Amino acid sequence: MSFPEQLGSANKASIEAALTIANTAFSCAEKLATLNLNTARTLLEESVANAKTLIGAKDIQELLSLQASLAQPTIEKLAAYGRSVYEIGAAAQEDFSKIVESQLSEVNKNVSAALDKAAKSAPAGSDVAVAAVKSAIAAANSAYDSMNKAAKQVAEITEANVAAATSATVKAVGNAAPKSRKVA
């Protein structure tokens, strides 16, 4: 393959990767917009229904009891919303990572092939320079792999923390609701 063909192939691959990234970003934005609209619609409908229920309270004790019982489902829905936003973001990040990994792999393959080709036609004694470049590429790939593994571990820890915080919030509100009924 000649240099212009290699350049054309690399440009084509870059354009395809950019389109994939753009489509992934648009898909993520679409999912977030849909989630936001559905959540807003649901919360509005439930707020109106809750307001009607609260207006029907006969005394302050019933009002407080109703208010406490209506808060729990809303908190659970907000926690679910937060989890959904996190999941959409995490999925997009994973898709972006796959695209970058694929591009990096392709670049490494092309650079390695170019180095091998250059080494064959290089003057005597230049094999040390080619080996040094290959070693630098291997070190960069190793560093990238280490960073990628660390990022995945951070993402897993974050996901576990988000799940734990959400669960704790829902439990705390659930535990507080019965207490407010007893106090009233």
N, C-alpha and C. Protein backbone atom coordinates (compact mmCIF):
# COMPACT_ATOMS: atom_id res chain seq x y z
N MET A 1 0.85 -1.18 0.00
CA MET A 1 0.00 0.00 0.00
C MET A 1 0.90 1.24 0.00
N SER A 2 0.63 2.17 -0.90
CA SER A 2 1.43 3.39 -1.00
C SER A 2 1.04 4.37 0.10
N PHE A 3 1.89 5.36 0.28
CA PHE A 3 1.64 6.35 1.33
C PHE A 3 0.31 7.08 1.12
N PRO A 4 0.00 7.55 -0.11
CA PRO A 4 -1.30 8.21 -0.31
C PRO A 4 -2.48 7.30 0.02
N GLU A 5 -2.35 6.01 -0.31
CA GLU A 5 -3.42 5.07 0.02
C GLU A 5 -3.55 4.89 1.53
N GLN A 6 -2.41 4.83 2.21
CA GLN A 6 -2.42 4.71 3.67
C GLN A 6 -3.05 5.96 4.29
N LEU A 7 -2.68 7.12 3.77
CA LEU A 7 -3.24 8.37 4.27
C LEU A 7 -4.75 8.42 4.05
N GLY A 8 -5.18 8.03 2.87
CA GLY A 8 -6.61 8.00 2.56
C GLY A 8 -7.36 7.04 3.47
N SER A 9 -6.76 5.89 3.70
CA SER A 9 -7.38 4.89 4.58
C SER A 9 -7.47 5.41 6.01
N ALA A 10 -6.40 6.07 6.46
CA ALA A 10 -6.40 6.62 7.82
C ALA A 10 -7.44 7.73 7.96
N ASN A 11 -7.53 8.58 6.93
CA ASN A 11 -8.54 9.65 6.97
C ASN A 11 -9.95 9.08 6.98
N LYS A 12 -10.18 8.06 6.19
CA LYS A 12 -11.50 7.42 6.16
C LYS A 12 -11.85 6.84 7.54
N ALA A 13 -10.89 6.18 8.14
CA ALA A 13 -11.11 5.60 9.47
C ALA A 13 -11.38 6.70 10.50
N SER A 14 -10.66 7.80 10.39
CA SER A 14 -10.87 8.92 11.33
C SER A 14 -12.26 9.53 11.17
N ILE A 15 -12.70 9.67 9.94
CA ILE A 15 -14.04 10.22 9.68
C ILE A 15 -15.10 9.27 10.22
N GLU A 16 -14.92 7.98 9.99
CA GLU A 16 -15.88 6.99 10.51
C GLU A 16 -15.92 7.02 12.04
N ALA A 17 -14.77 7.16 12.68
CA ALA A 17 -14.73 7.23 14.14
C ALA A 17 -15.41 8.50 14.63
N ALA A 18 -15.18 9.62 13.95
CA ALA A 18 -15.83 10.87 14.34
C ALA A 18 -17.35 10.77 14.20
N LEU A 19 -17.81 10.13 13.14
CA LEU A 19 -19.26 9.93 12.96
C LEU A 19 -19.82 9.02 14.05
N THR A 20 -19.08 8.00 14.40
CA THR A 20 -19.53 7.10 15.47
C THR A 20 -19.61 7.85 16.80
N ILE A 21 -18.61 8.68 17.07
CA ILE A 21 -18.63 9.48 18.30
C ILE A 21 -19.81 10.44 18.29
N ALA A 22 -20.04 11.10 17.16
CA ALA A 22 -21.16 12.04 17.06
C ALA A 22 -22.49 11.31 17.25
N ASN A 23 -22.65 10.15 16.62
CA ASN A 23 -23.89 9.39 16.78
C ASN A 23 -24.08 8.93 18.22
N THR A 24 -23.00 8.55 18.88
CA THR A 24 -23.07 8.15 20.28
C THR A 24 -23.48 9.33 21.15
N ALA A 25 -22.91 10.49 20.88
CA ALA A 25 -23.26 11.69 21.65
C ALA A 25 -24.72 12.07 21.43
N PHE A 26 -25.18 12.01 20.18
CA PHE A 26 -26.58 12.33 19.90
C PHE A 26 -27.52 11.32 20.56
N SER A 27 -27.14 10.06 20.54
CA SER A 27 -27.96 9.03 21.19
C SER A 27 -28.06 9.29 22.69
N CYS A 28 -26.93 9.64 23.29
CA CYS A 28 -26.91 9.95 24.73
C CYS A 28 -27.79 11.16 25.02
N ALA A 29 -27.67 12.21 24.21
CA ALA A 29 -28.48 13.41 24.40
C ALA A 29 -29.97 13.09 24.23
N GLU A 30 -30.28 12.25 23.26
CA GLU A 30 -31.67 11.86 23.03
C GLU A 30 -32.23 11.09 24.23
N LYS A 31 -31.44 10.17 24.76
CA LYS A 31 -31.88 9.40 25.93
C LYS A 31 -32.10 10.32 27.13
N LEU A 32 -31.17 11.27 27.33
CA LEU A 32 -31.32 12.21 28.44
C LEU A 32 -32.54 13.10 28.26
N ALA A 33 -32.77 13.58 27.04
CA ALA A 33 -33.94 14.43 26.77
C ALA A 33 -35.23 13.66 27.02
N THR A 34 -35.29 12.43 26.54
CA THR A 34 -36.47 11.60 26.76
C THR A 34 -36.70 11.35 28.25
N LEU A 35 -35.63 11.01 28.95
CA LEU A 35 -35.72 10.78 30.39
C LEU A 35 -36.20 12.05 31.10
N ASN A 36 -35.63 13.20 30.74
CA ASN A 36 -36.03 14.45 31.38
C ASN A 36 -37.49 14.79 31.11
N LEU A 37 -37.92 14.63 29.88
CA LEU A 37 -39.32 14.93 29.55
C LEU A 37 -40.28 13.99 30.26
N ASN A 38 -39.96 12.71 30.25
CA ASN A 38 -40.83 11.74 30.94
C ASN A 38 -40.87 11.99 32.44
N THR A 39 -39.71 12.29 33.02
CA THR A 39 -39.66 12.57 34.46
C THR A 39 -40.44 13.83 34.79
N ALA A 40 -40.25 14.87 34.00
CA ALA A 40 -40.97 16.12 34.25
C ALA A 40 -42.48 15.92 34.13
N ARG A 41 -42.90 15.18 33.11
CA ARG A 41 -44.34 14.92 32.92
C ARG A 41 -44.90 14.14 34.11
N THR A 42 -44.19 13.10 34.51
CA THR A 42 -44.65 12.27 35.62
C THR A 42 -44.71 13.08 36.92
N LEU A 43 -43.66 13.85 37.19
CA LEU A 43 -43.64 14.64 38.42
C LEU A 43 -44.74 15.70 38.42
N LEU A 44 -45.01 16.30 37.28
CA LEU A 44 -46.08 17.29 37.20
C LEU A 44 -47.43 16.63 37.48
N GLU A 45 -47.68 15.51 36.81
CA GLU A 45 -48.96 14.81 37.02
C GLU A 45 -49.12 14.38 38.48
N GLU A 46 -48.04 13.85 39.06
CA GLU A 46 -48.11 13.40 40.44
C GLU A 46 -48.23 14.58 41.40
N SER A 47 -47.59 15.68 41.09
CA SER A 47 -47.70 16.87 41.95
C SER A 47 -49.14 17.39 41.98
N VAL A 48 -49.78 17.40 40.82
CA VAL A 48 -51.17 17.85 40.77
C VAL A 48 -52.05 16.89 41.57
N ALA A 49 -51.85 15.59 41.37
CA ALA A 49 -52.64 14.60 42.12
C ALA A 49 -52.38 14.71 43.62
N ASN A 50 -51.11 14.90 44.00
CA ASN A 50 -50.77 15.04 45.42
C ASN A 50 -51.39 16.30 46.01
N ALA A 51 -51.36 17.39 45.25
CA ALA A 51 -51.96 18.63 45.74
C ALA A 51 -53.45 18.45 45.98
N LYS A 52 -54.11 17.76 45.07
CA LYS A 52 -55.55 17.50 45.23
C LYS A 52 -55.80 16.64 46.47
N THR A 53 -54.93 15.67 46.68
CA THR A 53 -55.07 14.82 47.86
C THR A 53 -54.87 15.62 49.14
N LEU A 54 -53.84 16.47 49.15
CA LEU A 54 -53.55 17.28 50.34
C LEU A 54 -54.65 18.29 50.62
N ILE A 55 -55.26 18.83 49.58
CA ILE A 55 -56.36 19.79 49.77
C ILE A 55 -57.54 19.12 50.45
N GLY A 56 -57.69 17.83 50.21
CA GLY A 56 -58.82 17.10 50.80
C GLY A 56 -58.62 16.72 52.26
N ALA A 57 -57.48 17.07 52.86
CA ALA A 57 -57.23 16.72 54.26
C ALA A 57 -58.21 17.48 55.16
N LYS A 58 -58.69 16.76 56.19
CA LYS A 58 -59.70 17.34 57.08
C LYS A 58 -59.08 18.11 58.25
N ASP A 59 -57.88 17.71 58.67
CA ASP A 59 -57.21 18.40 59.78
C ASP A 59 -55.70 18.34 59.57
N ILE A 60 -54.97 19.01 60.46
CA ILE A 60 -53.53 19.12 60.33
C ILE A 60 -52.83 17.77 60.45
N GLN A 61 -53.34 16.91 61.30
CA GLN A 61 -52.74 15.59 61.49
C GLN A 61 -52.87 14.77 60.21
N GLU A 62 -54.04 14.80 59.60
CA GLU A 62 -54.23 14.07 58.34
C GLU A 62 -53.35 14.67 57.24
N LEU A 63 -53.24 16.00 57.24
CA LEU A 63 -52.40 16.67 56.25
C LEU A 63 -50.94 16.22 56.39
N LEU A 64 -50.42 16.18 57.61
CA LEU A 64 -49.05 15.75 57.84
C LEU A 64 -48.86 14.28 57.49
N SER A 65 -49.83 13.47 57.81
CA SER A 65 -49.76 12.05 57.49
C SER A 65 -49.75 11.84 55.97
N LEU A 66 -50.63 12.55 55.28
CA LEU A 66 -50.67 12.45 53.82
C LEU A 66 -49.37 12.95 53.20
N GLN A 67 -48.88 14.06 53.71
CA GLN A 67 -47.66 14.65 53.19
C GLN A 67 -46.48 13.67 53.32
N ALA A 68 -46.38 13.03 54.46
CA ALA A 68 -45.31 12.06 54.69
C ALA A 68 -45.45 10.86 53.77
N SER A 69 -46.69 10.38 53.58
CA SER A 69 -46.88 9.21 52.73
C SER A 69 -46.64 9.53 51.26
N LEU A 70 -46.85 10.77 50.86
CA LEU A 70 -46.67 11.15 49.46
C LEU A 70 -45.20 11.46 49.14
N ALA A 71 -44.41 11.75 50.15
CA ALA A 71 -43.00 12.11 49.92
C ALA A 71 -42.17 10.90 49.48
N GLN A 72 -42.42 9.76 50.07
CA GLN A 72 -41.60 8.57 49.79
C GLN A 72 -41.58 8.19 48.30
N PRO A 73 -42.73 8.07 47.65
CA PRO A 73 -42.69 7.71 46.22
C PRO A 73 -41.96 8.75 45.38
N THR A 74 -42.08 10.01 45.74
CA THR A 74 -41.40 11.06 44.99
C THR A 74 -39.89 10.93 45.15
N ILE A 75 -39.43 10.69 46.36
CA ILE A 75 -38.00 10.52 46.60
C ILE A 75 -37.48 9.30 45.85
N GLU A 76 -38.24 8.23 45.85
CA GLU A 76 -37.84 7.02 45.12
C GLU A 76 -37.74 7.29 43.62
N LYS A 77 -38.67 8.06 43.09
CA LYS A 77 -38.63 8.40 41.66
C LYS A 77 -37.43 9.30 41.35
N LEU A 78 -37.13 10.24 42.22
CA LEU A 78 -35.96 11.09 42.01
C LEU A 78 -34.67 10.28 42.09
N ALA A 79 -34.62 9.32 42.99
CA ALA A 79 -33.44 8.46 43.08
C ALA A 79 -33.31 7.60 41.82
N ALA A 80 -34.43 7.10 41.32
CA ALA A 80 -34.41 6.32 40.08
C ALA A 80 -33.97 7.19 38.91
N TYR A 81 -34.41 8.44 38.92
CA TYR A 81 -34.00 9.38 37.88
C TYR A 81 -32.48 9.57 37.92
N GLY A 82 -31.94 9.78 39.09
CA GLY A 82 -30.50 9.95 39.24
C GLY A 82 -29.73 8.72 38.76
N ARG A 83 -30.23 7.53 39.10
CA ARG A 83 -29.60 6.30 38.63
C ARG A 83 -29.64 6.23 37.11
N SER A 84 -30.78 6.60 36.54
CA SER A 84 -30.91 6.54 35.07
C SER A 84 -29.95 7.51 34.39
N VAL A 85 -29.82 8.71 34.92
CA VAL A 85 -28.88 9.68 34.35
C VAL A 85 -27.47 9.12 34.43
N TYR A 86 -27.12 8.55 35.58
CA TYR A 86 -25.79 7.97 35.74
C TYR A 86 -25.57 6.83 34.74
N GLU A 87 -26.57 5.96 34.59
CA GLU A 87 -26.44 4.82 33.67
C GLU A 87 -26.26 5.28 32.23
N ILE A 88 -26.99 6.31 31.83
CA ILE A 88 -26.85 6.84 30.47
C ILE A 88 -25.44 7.39 30.27
N GLY A 89 -24.96 8.14 31.24
CA GLY A 89 -23.61 8.69 31.16
C GLY A 89 -22.54 7.60 31.15
N ALA A 90 -22.72 6.60 31.99
CA ALA A 90 -21.74 5.51 32.06
C ALA A 90 -21.72 4.71 30.75
N ALA A 91 -22.89 4.49 30.17
CA ALA A 91 -22.95 3.76 28.90
C ALA A 91 -22.28 4.56 27.79
N ALA A 92 -22.51 5.87 27.77
CA ALA A 92 -21.87 6.72 26.76
C ALA A 92 -20.35 6.71 26.94
N GLN A 93 -19.90 6.80 28.19
CA GLN A 93 -18.46 6.78 28.45
C GLN A 93 -17.86 5.46 27.98
N GLU A 94 -18.56 4.37 28.21
CA GLU A 94 -18.07 3.06 27.78
C GLU A 94 -17.99 2.99 26.25
N ASP A 95 -19.01 3.52 25.58
CA ASP A 95 -19.00 3.54 24.11
C ASP A 95 -17.84 4.38 23.59
N PHE A 96 -17.63 5.55 24.20
CA PHE A 96 -16.52 6.41 23.78
C PHE A 96 -15.19 5.70 24.00
N SER A 97 -15.06 5.01 25.11
CA SER A 97 -13.81 4.29 25.40
C SER A 97 -13.55 3.22 24.35
N LYS A 98 -14.59 2.50 23.96
CA LYS A 98 -14.42 1.46 22.93
C LYS A 98 -13.96 2.07 21.61
N ILE A 99 -14.52 3.21 21.26
CA ILE A 99 -14.14 3.87 20.01
C ILE A 99 -12.67 4.29 20.08
N VAL A 100 -12.28 4.90 21.19
CA VAL A 100 -10.90 5.35 21.34
C VAL A 100 -9.95 4.15 21.33
N GLU A 101 -10.31 3.08 22.02
CA GLU A 101 -9.46 1.89 22.04
C GLU A 101 -9.30 1.32 20.64
N SER A 102 -10.39 1.28 19.89
CA SER A 102 -10.34 0.76 18.52
C SER A 102 -9.44 1.63 17.65
N GLN A 103 -9.59 2.95 17.78
CA GLN A 103 -8.75 3.87 17.00
C GLN A 103 -7.29 3.72 17.39
N LEU A 104 -7.03 3.64 18.68
CA LEU A 104 -5.66 3.52 19.15
C LEU A 104 -5.03 2.23 18.64
N SER A 105 -5.79 1.16 18.66
CA SER A 105 -5.30 -0.12 18.16
C SER A 105 -4.96 -0.02 16.68
N GLU A 106 -5.81 0.64 15.92
CA GLU A 106 -5.57 0.80 14.49
C GLU A 106 -4.33 1.66 14.23
N VAL A 107 -4.21 2.75 14.98
CA VAL A 107 -3.03 3.62 14.84
C VAL A 107 -1.75 2.84 15.18
N ASN A 108 -1.80 2.08 16.26
CA ASN A 108 -0.63 1.30 16.65
C ASN A 108 -0.24 0.29 15.57
N LYS A 109 -1.24 -0.35 15.00
CA LYS A 109 -0.98 -1.33 13.94
C LYS A 109 -0.34 -0.64 12.73
N ASN A 110 -0.87 0.52 12.35
CA ASN A 110 -0.33 1.24 11.20
C ASN A 110 1.08 1.76 11.46
N VAL A 111 1.30 2.30 12.66
CA VAL A 111 2.64 2.80 13.00
C VAL A 111 3.64 1.65 13.02
N SER A 112 3.24 0.54 13.57
CA SER A 112 4.13 -0.62 13.63
C SER A 112 4.46 -1.11 12.22
N ALA A 113 3.45 -1.16 11.37
CA ALA A 113 3.70 -1.58 9.98
C ALA A 113 4.62 -0.59 9.27
N ALA A 114 4.40 0.69 9.50
CA ALA A 114 5.25 1.71 8.88
C ALA A 114 6.68 1.60 9.39
N LEU A 115 6.84 1.35 10.68
CA LEU A 115 8.18 1.19 11.25
C LEU A 115 8.88 -0.04 10.67
N ASP A 116 8.15 -1.13 10.54
CA ASP A 116 8.73 -2.34 9.97
C ASP A 116 9.18 -2.09 8.53
N LYS A 117 8.33 -1.39 7.80
CA LYS A 117 8.66 -1.07 6.40
C LYS A 117 9.88 -0.15 6.34
N ALA A 118 9.90 0.85 7.24
CA ALA A 118 11.02 1.78 7.26
C ALA A 118 12.30 1.06 7.68
N ALA A 119 12.20 0.11 8.59
CA ALA A 119 13.38 -0.62 9.06
C ALA A 119 13.99 -1.45 7.94
N LYS A 120 13.15 -1.97 7.06
CA LYS A 120 13.65 -2.79 5.96
C LYS A 120 14.45 -1.96 4.96
N SER A 121 14.04 -0.72 4.78
CA SER A 121 14.73 0.11 3.80
C SER A 121 15.68 1.11 4.44
N ALA A 122 15.82 1.04 5.74
CA ALA A 122 16.69 1.99 6.47
C ALA A 122 18.16 1.58 6.32
N PRO A 123 19.04 2.55 6.45
CA PRO A 123 20.47 2.22 6.36
C PRO A 123 20.92 1.37 7.56
N ALA A 124 22.02 0.73 7.39
CA ALA A 124 22.56 -0.13 8.44
C ALA A 124 22.79 0.68 9.71
N GLY A 125 22.49 0.06 10.85
CA GLY A 125 22.70 0.71 12.14
C GLY A 125 21.49 1.48 12.64
N SER A 126 20.48 1.63 11.81
CA SER A 126 19.29 2.38 12.24
C SER A 126 18.30 1.50 12.99
N ASP A 127 18.63 0.21 13.09
CA ASP A 127 17.72 -0.70 13.80
C ASP A 127 17.60 -0.33 15.27
N VAL A 128 18.61 0.31 15.83
CA VAL A 128 18.56 0.76 17.22
C VAL A 128 17.50 1.85 17.38
N ALA A 129 17.44 2.77 16.42
CA ALA A 129 16.45 3.85 16.47
C ALA A 129 15.04 3.29 16.32
N VAL A 130 14.89 2.34 15.40
CA VAL A 130 13.56 1.72 15.20
C VAL A 130 13.14 0.99 16.46
N ALA A 131 14.07 0.28 17.07
CA ALA A 131 13.76 -0.44 18.32
C ALA A 131 13.38 0.53 19.43
N ALA A 132 14.05 1.67 19.47
CA ALA A 132 13.73 2.68 20.50
C ALA A 132 12.32 3.23 20.29
N VAL A 133 11.96 3.50 19.05
CA VAL A 133 10.61 4.00 18.76
C VAL A 133 9.57 2.95 19.12
N LYS A 134 9.83 1.70 18.75
CA LYS A 134 8.90 0.61 19.10
C LYS A 134 8.77 0.47 20.61
N SER A 135 9.87 0.62 21.31
CA SER A 135 9.85 0.54 22.77
C SER A 135 9.03 1.68 23.36
N ALA A 136 9.19 2.88 22.80
CA ALA A 136 8.41 4.04 23.28
C ALA A 136 6.92 3.82 23.03
N ILE A 137 6.58 3.25 21.88
CA ILE A 137 5.17 2.98 21.58
C ILE A 137 4.62 1.93 22.54
N ALA A 138 5.41 0.90 22.80
CA ALA A 138 4.97 -0.14 23.75
C ALA A 138 4.77 0.45 25.14
N ALA A 139 5.67 1.34 25.56
CA ALA A 139 5.54 1.98 26.88
C ALA A 139 4.30 2.86 26.93
N ALA A 140 4.02 3.60 25.84
CA ALA A 140 2.82 4.44 25.80
C ALA A 140 1.57 3.58 25.84
N ASN A 141 1.58 2.47 25.12
CA ASN A 141 0.42 1.57 25.15
C ASN A 141 0.22 0.97 26.54
N SER A 142 1.30 0.62 27.19
CA SER A 142 1.21 0.08 28.54
C SER A 142 0.64 1.11 29.51
N ALA A 143 1.10 2.35 29.37
CA ALA A 143 0.58 3.43 30.22
C ALA A 143 -0.90 3.65 29.96
N TYR A 144 -1.29 3.64 28.69
CA TYR A 144 -2.70 3.81 28.34
C TYR A 144 -3.54 2.68 28.94
N ASP A 145 -3.05 1.44 28.81
CA ASP A 145 -3.78 0.31 29.37
C ASP A 145 -3.94 0.44 30.88
N SER A 146 -2.88 0.86 31.55
CA SER A 146 -2.94 1.05 33.01
C SER A 146 -3.95 2.13 33.38
N MET A 147 -3.93 3.24 32.64
CA MET A 147 -4.89 4.32 32.91
C MET A 147 -6.31 3.86 32.63
N ASN A 148 -6.49 3.10 31.58
CA ASN A 148 -7.81 2.60 31.22
C ASN A 148 -8.34 1.66 32.30
N LYS A 149 -7.49 0.78 32.80
CA LYS A 149 -7.90 -0.13 33.88
C LYS A 149 -8.26 0.65 35.13
N ALA A 150 -7.46 1.66 35.45
CA ALA A 150 -7.73 2.48 36.63
C ALA A 150 -9.05 3.24 36.46
N ALA A 151 -9.30 3.76 35.27
CA ALA A 151 -10.56 4.47 35.01
C ALA A 151 -11.75 3.53 35.15
N LYS A 152 -11.60 2.30 34.69
CA LYS A 152 -12.69 1.33 34.82
C LYS A 152 -12.94 1.00 36.30
N GLN A 153 -11.87 0.89 37.08
CA GLN A 153 -12.03 0.63 38.51
C GLN A 153 -12.73 1.80 39.19
N VAL A 154 -12.34 3.02 38.83
CA VAL A 154 -12.99 4.20 39.39
C VAL A 154 -14.47 4.21 39.02
N ALA A 155 -14.77 3.86 37.78
CA ALA A 155 -16.17 3.82 37.34
C ALA A 155 -16.96 2.78 38.13
N GLU A 156 -16.37 1.63 38.38
CA GLU A 156 -17.05 0.59 39.16
C GLU A 156 -17.28 1.05 40.60
N ILE A 157 -16.28 1.68 41.19
CA ILE A 157 -16.42 2.18 42.56
C ILE A 157 -17.49 3.27 42.61
N THR A 158 -17.46 4.17 41.62
CA THR A 158 -18.46 5.24 41.56
C THR A 158 -19.86 4.66 41.43
N GLU A 159 -20.00 3.67 40.58
CA GLU A 159 -21.31 3.03 40.40
C GLU A 159 -21.80 2.41 41.70
N ALA A 160 -20.91 1.75 42.41
CA ALA A 160 -21.28 1.15 43.70
C ALA A 160 -21.66 2.24 44.70
N ASN A 161 -20.91 3.35 44.71
CA ASN A 161 -21.21 4.45 45.63
C ASN A 161 -22.54 5.12 45.29
N VAL A 162 -22.81 5.29 44.00
CA VAL A 162 -24.09 5.88 43.59
C VAL A 162 -25.24 4.98 44.03
N ALA A 163 -25.09 3.69 43.83
CA ALA A 163 -26.14 2.75 44.24
C ALA A 163 -26.33 2.78 45.76
N ALA A 164 -25.24 2.81 46.50
CA ALA A 164 -25.33 2.83 47.97
C ALA A 164 -25.95 4.13 48.46
N ALA A 165 -25.53 5.26 47.88
CA ALA A 165 -26.08 6.55 48.30
C ALA A 165 -27.57 6.65 47.98
N THR A 166 -27.95 6.15 46.82
CA THR A 166 -29.36 6.17 46.44
C THR A 166 -30.19 5.31 47.39
N SER A 167 -29.69 4.14 47.67
CA SER A 167 -30.39 3.23 48.58
C SER A 167 -30.49 3.84 49.97
N ALA A 168 -29.42 4.44 50.44
CA ALA A 168 -29.43 5.05 51.77
C ALA A 168 -30.40 6.22 51.84
N THR A 169 -30.46 7.01 50.77
CA THR A 169 -31.39 8.15 50.74
C THR A 169 -32.84 7.67 50.79
N VAL A 170 -33.14 6.68 49.97
CA VAL A 170 -34.51 6.15 49.94
C VAL A 170 -34.87 5.55 51.30
N LYS A 171 -33.94 4.83 51.92
CA LYS A 171 -34.20 4.24 53.24
C LYS A 171 -34.38 5.32 54.29
N ALA A 172 -33.55 6.36 54.23
CA ALA A 172 -33.64 7.43 55.22
C ALA A 172 -34.98 8.15 55.13
N VAL A 173 -35.42 8.41 53.92
CA VAL A 173 -36.72 9.06 53.74
C VAL A 173 -37.84 8.13 54.18
N GLY A 174 -37.69 6.85 53.86
CA GLY A 174 -38.69 5.87 54.28
C GLY A 174 -38.79 5.76 55.79
N ASN A 175 -37.65 5.82 56.47
CA ASN A 175 -37.64 5.76 57.93
C ASN A 175 -38.16 7.04 58.55
N ALA A 176 -37.92 8.17 57.90
CA ALA A 176 -38.36 9.46 58.44
C ALA A 176 -39.87 9.63 58.29
N ALA A 177 -40.43 9.10 57.22
CA ALA A 177 -41.87 9.27 56.98
C ALA A 177 -42.73 8.70 58.10
N PRO A 178 -42.50 7.48 58.58
CA PRO A 178 -43.33 6.97 59.68
C PRO A 178 -43.15 7.79 60.97
N LYS A 179 -41.93 8.30 61.21
CA LYS A 179 -41.70 9.08 62.41
C LYS A 179 -42.52 10.37 62.37
N SER A 180 -42.59 11.01 61.19
CA SER A 180 -43.34 12.24 61.11
C SER A 180 -44.83 11.99 61.32
N ARG A 181 -45.29 10.83 60.94
CA ARG A 181 -46.70 10.49 61.19
C ARG A 181 -46.95 10.34 62.69
N LYS A 182 -45.99 9.74 63.40
CA LYS A 182 -46.16 9.51 64.83
C LYS A 182 -46.11 10.82 65.59
N VAL A 183 -45.25 11.74 65.16
CA VAL A 183 -45.09 13.02 65.85
C VAL A 183 -46.35 13.84 65.69
N ALA A 184 -46.96 13.80 64.54
CA ALA A 184 -48.11 14.64 64.24
C ALA A 184 -49.31 14.28 65.00
